[in-house]
Amino acid sequence: MKYRELGNTAIDVSALCLGTMTWGEQNTESEAFEQLDYALDAGINFIDTAELYSIPPNSETYGSTETIIGNWIKQRNNRDQFILTSKIAGPGEGWVDHIRDGKSKFNQHHITTALNNSLKRLNTDYIDLYQLHWPERKTNFFGKLGYVAEADSFTSIRETLEALNEQVIAGKIRHIGLSNETPWGVMSFINTAVELNLPKIVSVQNPYSLLNRSYEIGLAEISYREGCGLLAYSPLGFGTLSGKYLNQAQPADARITLWPDYSRYTNQQAVAATEKYVALAREHDLDPAQMALAYVNTRPFLTSNIIGATNMTQLKSNIDSLNLQLADEVLEGIEKIHTEHPNPSP
């Protein structure tokens, strides 16, 4: 396993992070325990979760993933062996009404409530990295590239940072990060923190894959210069980059088979790009999923690549991607396809 510093924290995290959002929906607790045990044995010391999980979000499974991880921590008594992240959900009336009536805000009251509930479910006294899952303000995230100005009202960044700082002082969180953020949002948090001597963000968890390299436009330089590296999520585009959905295939129990509304990675341009990436991998006798992960693993602005799996075969293959070094011809092929199909899955 390879390790990289999380921001400027002196904390080394594994280059692969174990994603958990299927636990409690597609995966049982025993299956989650097996994944956790295997990942730790393989050298992964970084586990990512959120109060929102499992996915897709609903009131019945809200918090179930954190509860599973908390049960594992209690059974194994191993909290000191890994770095744990979680996230407070943002607002979203109509699709997360079960979380603070869909009106979650990043203020003292909501941050304190959400954090304490996560700590209870996780059976821990602290979270190493606490993230804002998506912006409270109206902006472009979750599949939207173009920003359209809308009148909105949101908690000031200063107030949010002050509320988070209270929890840092209390020892309940060690560091803070952002997720699904824009360049304006990231720099605003950084500048406010520096100006007021408040906690500075140490990471940005955004989508990044062969199908979505929009992070390279603006955010990559911020990660490099400001010490807040990318935690890449959906590096396989919900599994599409494995090629398993090509030719309109619907593998049993696969995420997009079960929830076809998750169409972010299955539009016409995304399918065309995926076909070419899969063909490129097979031309060089590579596993398409491992090629896709290996590309993400080598990005200079990356801190950790968040891998998820619904079975152990997938998990083992994903972890093995860290040992794959892509030849120059493969990298050239990837860039050619990217030029032809730039960011088809925002």
Protein backbone atom coordinates (compact mmCIF):
# COMPACT_ATOMS: atom_id res chain seq x y z
CA MET A 1 0.00 0.00 0.00
CA LYS A 2 1.09 3.56 -0.70
CA TYR A 3 0.40 6.45 1.66
CA ARG A 4 0.05 10.20 1.23
CA GLU A 5 -0.22 13.07 3.66
CA LEU A 6 -3.74 14.35 4.26
CA GLY A 7 -3.33 18.05 3.58
CA ASN A 8 -0.69 19.42 5.92
CA THR A 9 -1.87 17.39 8.88
CA ALA A 10 1.09 14.99 9.29
CA ILE A 11 -1.50 12.21 8.97
CA ASP A 12 -0.67 9.63 6.30
CA VAL A 13 -3.64 8.01 4.62
CA SER A 14 -3.67 5.13 2.16
CA ALA A 15 -3.77 6.02 -1.53
CA LEU A 16 -6.96 3.94 -1.67
CA CYS A 17 -9.86 4.81 0.63
CA LEU A 18 -12.65 2.35 1.38
CA GLY A 19 -16.04 3.72 0.34
CA THR A 20 -19.06 2.46 2.24
CA MET A 21 -22.26 3.89 0.78
CA THR A 22 -23.75 0.52 -0.26
CA TRP A 23 -23.66 -0.90 3.26
CA GLY A 24 -27.14 -1.22 4.66
CA GLU A 25 -28.76 -1.36 1.21
CA GLN A 26 -26.83 -3.52 -1.26
CA ASN A 27 -24.58 -5.02 1.41
CA THR A 28 -25.41 -6.68 4.70
CA GLU A 29 -23.54 -5.97 7.92
CA SER A 30 -21.59 -9.25 7.68
CA GLU A 31 -20.52 -8.42 4.12
CA ALA A 32 -19.42 -4.97 5.26
CA PHE A 33 -17.40 -6.49 8.12
CA GLU A 34 -15.66 -8.78 5.62
CA GLN A 35 -14.77 -5.82 3.40
CA LEU A 36 -13.49 -3.79 6.35
CA ASP A 37 -11.33 -6.62 7.68
CA TYR A 38 -9.85 -7.35 4.25
CA ALA A 39 -9.16 -3.69 3.50
CA LEU A 40 -7.37 -3.15 6.81
CA ASP A 41 -5.26 -6.27 6.26
CA ALA A 42 -4.37 -4.96 2.78
CA GLY A 43 -3.03 -1.73 4.27
CA ILE A 44 -6.01 0.57 3.71
CA ASN A 45 -6.24 2.85 6.74
CA PHE A 46 -8.81 5.32 5.37
CA ILE A 47 -12.59 4.77 5.59
CA ASP A 48 -15.17 7.18 4.19
CA THR A 49 -18.82 7.40 5.19
CA ALA A 50 -21.62 9.94 5.71
CA GLU A 51 -24.80 10.43 7.71
CA LEU A 52 -26.70 10.24 4.39
CA TYR A 53 -25.67 6.65 3.66
CA SER A 54 -26.72 4.13 2.57
CA ILE A 55 -27.52 5.08 -1.01
CA PRO A 56 -30.06 5.72 -2.47
CA PRO A 57 -31.08 7.93 0.44
CA ASN A 58 -34.33 7.23 2.28
CA SER A 59 -35.65 7.42 5.81
CA GLU A 60 -35.52 3.65 6.34
CA THR A 61 -31.76 3.33 5.75
CA TYR A 62 -30.63 6.77 6.93
CA GLY A 63 -27.53 6.37 9.08
CA SER A 64 -27.39 2.62 8.52
CA THR A 65 -23.87 2.69 7.10
CA GLU A 66 -22.48 4.59 10.09
CA THR A 67 -24.27 2.14 12.38
CA ILE A 68 -22.62 -0.83 10.64
CA ILE A 69 -19.19 0.76 10.93
CA GLY A 70 -19.89 1.55 14.58
CA ASN A 71 -20.81 -2.07 15.27
CA TRP A 72 -17.57 -3.18 13.61
CA ILE A 73 -15.53 -0.74 15.70
CA LYS A 74 -17.21 -2.01 18.86
CA GLN A 75 -16.55 -5.65 17.96
CA ARG A 76 -12.97 -5.18 16.80
CA ASN A 77 -11.96 -2.49 19.32
CA ASN A 78 -9.63 -1.04 16.68
CA ARG A 79 -10.51 2.64 16.41
CA ASP A 80 -6.85 3.66 16.62
CA GLN A 81 -5.94 1.63 13.51
CA PHE A 82 -7.56 3.79 10.82
CA ILE A 83 -8.56 7.29 9.73
CA LEU A 84 -12.33 7.80 9.66
CA THR A 85 -14.27 10.39 7.69
CA SER A 86 -17.92 11.31 7.73
CA LYS A 87 -20.11 14.10 6.37
CA ILE A 88 -22.99 16.32 7.33
CA ALA A 89 -25.71 16.40 4.68
CA GLY A 90 -26.64 19.65 3.01
CA PRO A 91 -30.17 20.84 2.26
CA GLY A 92 -32.36 19.16 -0.33
CA GLU A 93 -36.10 19.54 -0.03
CA GLY A 94 -37.85 16.78 -1.92
CA TRP A 95 -35.08 14.17 -1.78
CA VAL A 96 -33.60 14.34 1.74
CA ASP A 97 -36.66 15.49 3.67
CA HIS A 98 -35.87 12.81 6.26
CA ILE A 99 -32.71 14.73 7.23
CA ARG A 100 -33.67 17.81 9.24
CA ASP A 101 -36.77 18.26 7.05
CA GLY A 102 -34.58 18.75 3.99
CA LYS A 103 -33.44 22.10 5.39
CA SER A 104 -30.04 21.19 6.79
CA LYS A 105 -27.80 24.19 7.37
CA PHE A 106 -24.12 24.47 8.16
CA ASN A 107 -24.66 26.43 11.35
CA GLN A 108 -23.82 25.65 14.96
CA HIS A 109 -27.11 23.92 15.78
CA HIS A 110 -27.23 21.62 12.77
CA ILE A 111 -23.51 20.82 12.80
CA THR A 112 -23.63 19.94 16.50
CA THR A 113 -26.75 17.79 16.05
CA ALA A 114 -25.50 15.95 12.98
CA LEU A 115 -22.02 15.36 14.40
CA ASN A 116 -23.22 14.05 17.76
CA ASN A 117 -25.62 11.65 16.05
CA SER A 118 -22.84 10.40 13.75
CA LEU A 119 -20.49 9.89 16.69
CA LYS A 120 -23.15 7.85 18.48
CA ARG A 121 -23.84 5.65 15.46
CA LEU A 122 -20.10 5.19 14.81
CA ASN A 123 -19.30 4.23 18.42
CA THR A 124 -16.43 6.70 18.56
CA ASP A 125 -15.52 9.89 20.39
CA TYR A 126 -14.03 11.60 17.36
CA ILE A 127 -14.03 11.74 13.57
CA ASP A 128 -10.68 12.37 11.89
CA LEU A 129 -12.09 14.24 8.87
CA TYR A 130 -15.54 15.85 8.94
CA GLN A 131 -16.84 17.09 5.60
CA LEU A 132 -19.69 19.22 4.28
CA HIS A 133 -21.33 16.73 1.91
CA TRP A 134 -22.54 19.32 -0.60
CA PRO A 135 -22.88 23.11 -0.55
CA GLU A 136 -25.71 24.72 1.33
CA ARG A 137 -25.88 27.41 -1.34
CA LYS A 138 -27.38 26.92 -4.80
CA THR A 139 -24.57 26.00 -7.16
CA ASN A 140 -23.54 23.34 -9.66
CA PHE A 141 -22.94 19.90 -8.16
CA PHE A 142 -24.25 16.32 -8.51
CA GLY A 143 -24.14 16.19 -12.29
CA LYS A 144 -24.47 19.88 -13.12
CA LEU A 145 -21.57 21.57 -14.87
CA GLY A 146 -23.08 24.93 -15.78
CA TYR A 147 -23.71 27.46 -13.01
CA VAL A 148 -26.93 29.45 -13.25
CA ALA A 149 -27.16 32.40 -10.86
CA GLU A 150 -30.12 32.13 -8.51
CA ALA A 151 -31.13 34.21 -5.55
CA ASP A 152 -30.33 32.25 -2.41
CA SER A 153 -29.53 32.55 1.26
CA PHE A 154 -26.96 30.43 3.06
CA THR A 155 -25.00 30.29 6.28
CA SER A 156 -21.91 32.45 6.03
CA ILE A 157 -18.63 30.63 5.59
CA ARG A 158 -17.33 32.38 8.70
CA GLU A 159 -20.23 31.06 10.79
CA THR A 160 -19.73 27.55 9.41
CA LEU A 161 -16.01 27.56 10.16
CA GLU A 162 -16.60 28.92 13.66
CA ALA A 163 -19.12 26.14 14.34
CA LEU A 164 -16.68 23.51 13.06
CA ASN A 165 -13.87 25.05 15.11
CA GLU A 166 -15.93 24.57 18.26
CA GLN A 167 -16.01 20.86 17.54
CA VAL A 168 -12.27 20.79 16.82
CA ILE A 169 -11.62 22.45 20.17
CA ALA A 170 -13.97 19.96 21.83
CA GLY A 171 -11.93 17.10 20.31
CA LYS A 172 -14.87 15.66 18.39
CA ILE A 173 -13.32 16.27 14.97
CA ARG A 174 -9.66 16.59 14.04
CA HIS A 175 -9.82 18.14 10.57
CA ILE A 176 -12.38 19.45 8.10
CA GLY A 177 -13.00 18.99 4.39
CA LEU A 178 -15.41 19.86 1.61
CA SER A 179 -17.29 17.71 -0.88
CA ASN A 180 -18.98 18.39 -4.22
CA GLU A 181 -17.49 21.88 -4.10
CA THR A 182 -16.63 24.50 -6.70
CA PRO A 183 -13.41 26.54 -7.04
CA TRP A 184 -15.19 29.59 -5.59
CA GLY A 185 -16.36 27.59 -2.59
CA VAL A 186 -12.98 26.00 -1.88
CA MET A 187 -11.05 29.28 -2.09
CA SER A 188 -13.67 31.09 0.00
CA PHE A 189 -13.28 28.54 2.79
CA ILE A 190 -9.50 28.73 2.55
CA ASN A 191 -9.30 32.53 2.53
CA THR A 192 -11.77 32.92 5.39
CA ALA A 193 -9.87 30.37 7.49
CA VAL A 194 -6.55 32.13 6.91
CA GLU A 195 -8.01 35.57 7.60
CA LEU A 196 -9.69 34.57 10.86
CA ASN A 197 -7.25 31.87 12.03
CA LEU A 198 -9.91 29.17 11.80
CA PRO A 199 -9.45 25.54 10.68
CA LYS A 200 -8.35 25.22 7.07
CA ILE A 201 -9.81 22.52 4.87
CA VAL A 202 -7.45 19.63 4.17
CA SER A 203 -9.31 17.84 1.36
CA VAL A 204 -11.95 18.11 -1.35
CA GLN A 205 -14.11 15.05 -2.09
CA ASN A 206 -15.41 15.44 -5.64
CA PRO A 207 -16.19 13.10 -8.54
CA TYR A 208 -13.20 12.19 -10.71
CA SER A 209 -12.90 9.46 -13.31
CA LEU A 210 -12.15 8.86 -16.98
CA LEU A 211 -15.72 10.04 -17.59
CA ASN A 212 -15.47 13.16 -15.45
CA ARG A 213 -12.19 15.06 -15.27
CA SER A 214 -13.83 18.42 -14.60
CA TYR A 215 -11.80 18.65 -11.37
CA GLU A 216 -8.79 19.45 -13.53
CA ILE A 217 -10.42 22.74 -14.54
CA GLY A 218 -9.63 25.06 -11.63
CA LEU A 219 -9.76 22.73 -8.65
CA ALA A 220 -6.63 20.69 -9.40
CA GLU A 221 -4.38 23.73 -9.10
CA ILE A 222 -6.06 24.72 -5.85
CA SER A 223 -5.43 21.23 -4.47
CA TYR A 224 -1.77 21.47 -5.46
CA ARG A 225 -1.07 24.99 -4.22
CA GLU A 226 -3.26 25.05 -1.11
CA GLY A 227 -2.56 21.58 0.29
CA CYS A 228 -6.11 20.22 0.01
CA GLY A 229 -5.86 17.17 -2.20
CA LEU A 230 -8.66 15.40 -3.99
CA LEU A 231 -10.53 12.47 -2.47
CA ALA A 232 -11.86 11.05 -5.73
CA TYR A 233 -15.30 9.51 -5.59
CA SER A 234 -17.03 7.43 -8.30
CA PRO A 235 -13.67 6.62 -9.97
CA LEU A 236 -15.46 3.85 -11.89
CA GLY A 237 -18.51 5.92 -12.74
CA PHE A 238 -20.91 3.77 -10.68
CA GLY A 239 -19.19 0.71 -12.15
CA THR A 240 -19.83 1.67 -15.78
CA LEU A 241 -16.11 1.82 -16.60
CA SER A 242 -15.85 -1.91 -15.93
CA GLY A 243 -17.87 -2.33 -19.12
CA LYS A 244 -20.51 -4.43 -17.41
CA TYR A 245 -23.40 -2.27 -18.61
CA LEU A 246 -22.34 -2.08 -22.27
CA ASN A 247 -24.69 -3.37 -24.97
CA GLN A 248 -27.58 -2.51 -22.65
CA ALA A 249 -26.60 -5.26 -20.23
CA GLN A 250 -28.31 -5.26 -16.83
CA PRO A 251 -26.26 -7.46 -14.50
CA ALA A 252 -28.22 -8.78 -11.55
CA ASP A 253 -28.02 -6.74 -8.34
CA ALA A 254 -25.78 -4.08 -9.94
CA ARG A 255 -26.42 -0.49 -8.86
CA ILE A 256 -27.70 0.95 -12.13
CA THR A 257 -29.76 -2.19 -12.76
CA LEU A 258 -31.46 -1.67 -9.41
CA TRP A 259 -31.73 2.11 -9.68
CA PRO A 260 -31.78 3.13 -13.35
CA ASP A 261 -32.53 6.75 -12.42
CA TYR A 262 -28.82 7.08 -11.61
CA SER A 263 -28.19 8.02 -15.23
CA ARG A 264 -25.20 10.31 -14.70
CA TYR A 265 -22.85 7.80 -16.31
CA THR A 266 -25.16 6.22 -18.88
CA ASN A 267 -26.02 9.06 -21.26
CA GLN A 268 -25.22 8.60 -24.94
CA GLN A 269 -21.85 10.37 -24.82
CA ALA A 270 -20.80 8.53 -21.66
CA VAL A 271 -21.62 5.16 -23.22
CA ALA A 272 -19.65 6.05 -26.37
CA ALA A 273 -16.64 7.05 -24.27
CA THR A 274 -16.93 3.95 -22.09
CA GLU A 275 -16.94 1.70 -25.14
CA LYS A 276 -13.65 3.22 -26.25
CA TYR A 277 -12.02 3.05 -22.81
CA VAL A 278 -13.01 -0.61 -22.43
CA ALA A 279 -11.70 -1.39 -25.92
CA LEU A 280 -8.42 0.37 -25.12
CA ALA A 281 -8.00 -1.69 -21.95
CA ARG A 282 -8.66 -4.96 -23.74
CA GLU A 283 -6.31 -4.01 -26.56
CA HIS A 284 -3.54 -3.89 -23.95
CA ASP A 285 -4.72 -6.97 -22.02
CA LEU A 286 -5.85 -4.87 -19.06
CA ASP A 287 -8.90 -5.18 -16.89
CA PRO A 288 -11.03 -2.09 -17.80
CA ALA A 289 -11.90 -1.30 -14.19
CA GLN A 290 -8.29 -1.60 -13.05
CA MET A 291 -7.13 0.64 -15.90
CA ALA A 292 -9.68 3.28 -14.92
CA LEU A 293 -8.63 3.15 -11.27
CA ALA A 294 -4.91 3.11 -12.10
CA TYR A 295 -5.33 6.33 -14.07
CA VAL A 296 -6.94 8.07 -11.09
CA ASN A 297 -4.32 6.66 -8.70
CA THR A 298 -1.49 8.48 -10.48
CA ARG A 299 -2.97 12.00 -10.57
CA PRO A 300 -0.59 14.46 -8.86
CA PHE A 301 -3.43 16.36 -7.14
CA LEU A 302 -4.91 13.19 -5.62
CA THR A 303 -4.71 12.34 -1.93
CA SER A 304 -6.81 9.17 -2.04
CA ASN A 305 -8.99 7.25 -4.47
CA ILE A 306 -12.29 6.11 -2.91
CA ILE A 307 -13.08 2.59 -4.03
CA GLY A 308 -16.37 0.84 -3.33
CA ALA A 309 -17.52 -2.70 -3.97
CA THR A 310 -20.56 -4.86 -3.49
CA ASN A 311 -18.61 -8.12 -3.39
CA MET A 312 -15.15 -9.31 -2.40
CA THR A 313 -14.05 -10.10 -5.95
CA GLN A 314 -14.59 -6.46 -6.91
CA LEU A 315 -12.86 -5.21 -3.78
CA LYS A 316 -9.76 -7.36 -4.30
CA SER A 317 -9.50 -6.30 -7.94
CA ASN A 318 -9.91 -2.63 -7.03
CA ILE A 319 -7.15 -2.83 -4.43
CA ASP A 320 -4.85 -4.59 -6.91
CA SER A 321 -5.19 -1.59 -9.25
CA LEU A 322 -2.62 0.17 -7.08
CA ASN A 323 0.04 -2.16 -8.50
CA LEU A 324 -0.83 -1.40 -12.13
CA GLN A 325 1.48 0.98 -13.98
CA LEU A 326 -0.03 2.22 -17.21
CA ALA A 327 2.23 2.20 -20.27
CA ASP A 328 2.76 5.38 -22.27
CA GLU A 329 0.68 3.96 -25.13
CA VAL A 330 -2.25 3.44 -22.76
CA LEU A 331 -1.97 6.96 -21.36
CA GLU A 332 -1.83 8.37 -24.89
CA GLY A 333 -4.92 6.36 -25.79
CA ILE A 334 -6.75 7.71 -22.76
CA GLU A 335 -5.95 11.29 -23.72
CA LYS A 336 -7.13 10.69 -27.28
CA ILE A 337 -10.47 9.38 -26.06
CA HIS A 338 -10.78 12.25 -23.59
CA THR A 339 -10.26 14.75 -26.40
CA GLU A 340 -13.02 13.08 -28.42
CA HIS A 341 -15.40 12.74 -25.44
CA PRO A 342 -14.50 15.35 -22.81
CA ASN A 343 -16.28 14.95 -19.47
CA PRO A 344 -19.45 13.22 -20.70
CA SER A 345 -20.56 12.52 -17.10
CA PRO A 346 -20.54 15.77 -15.09
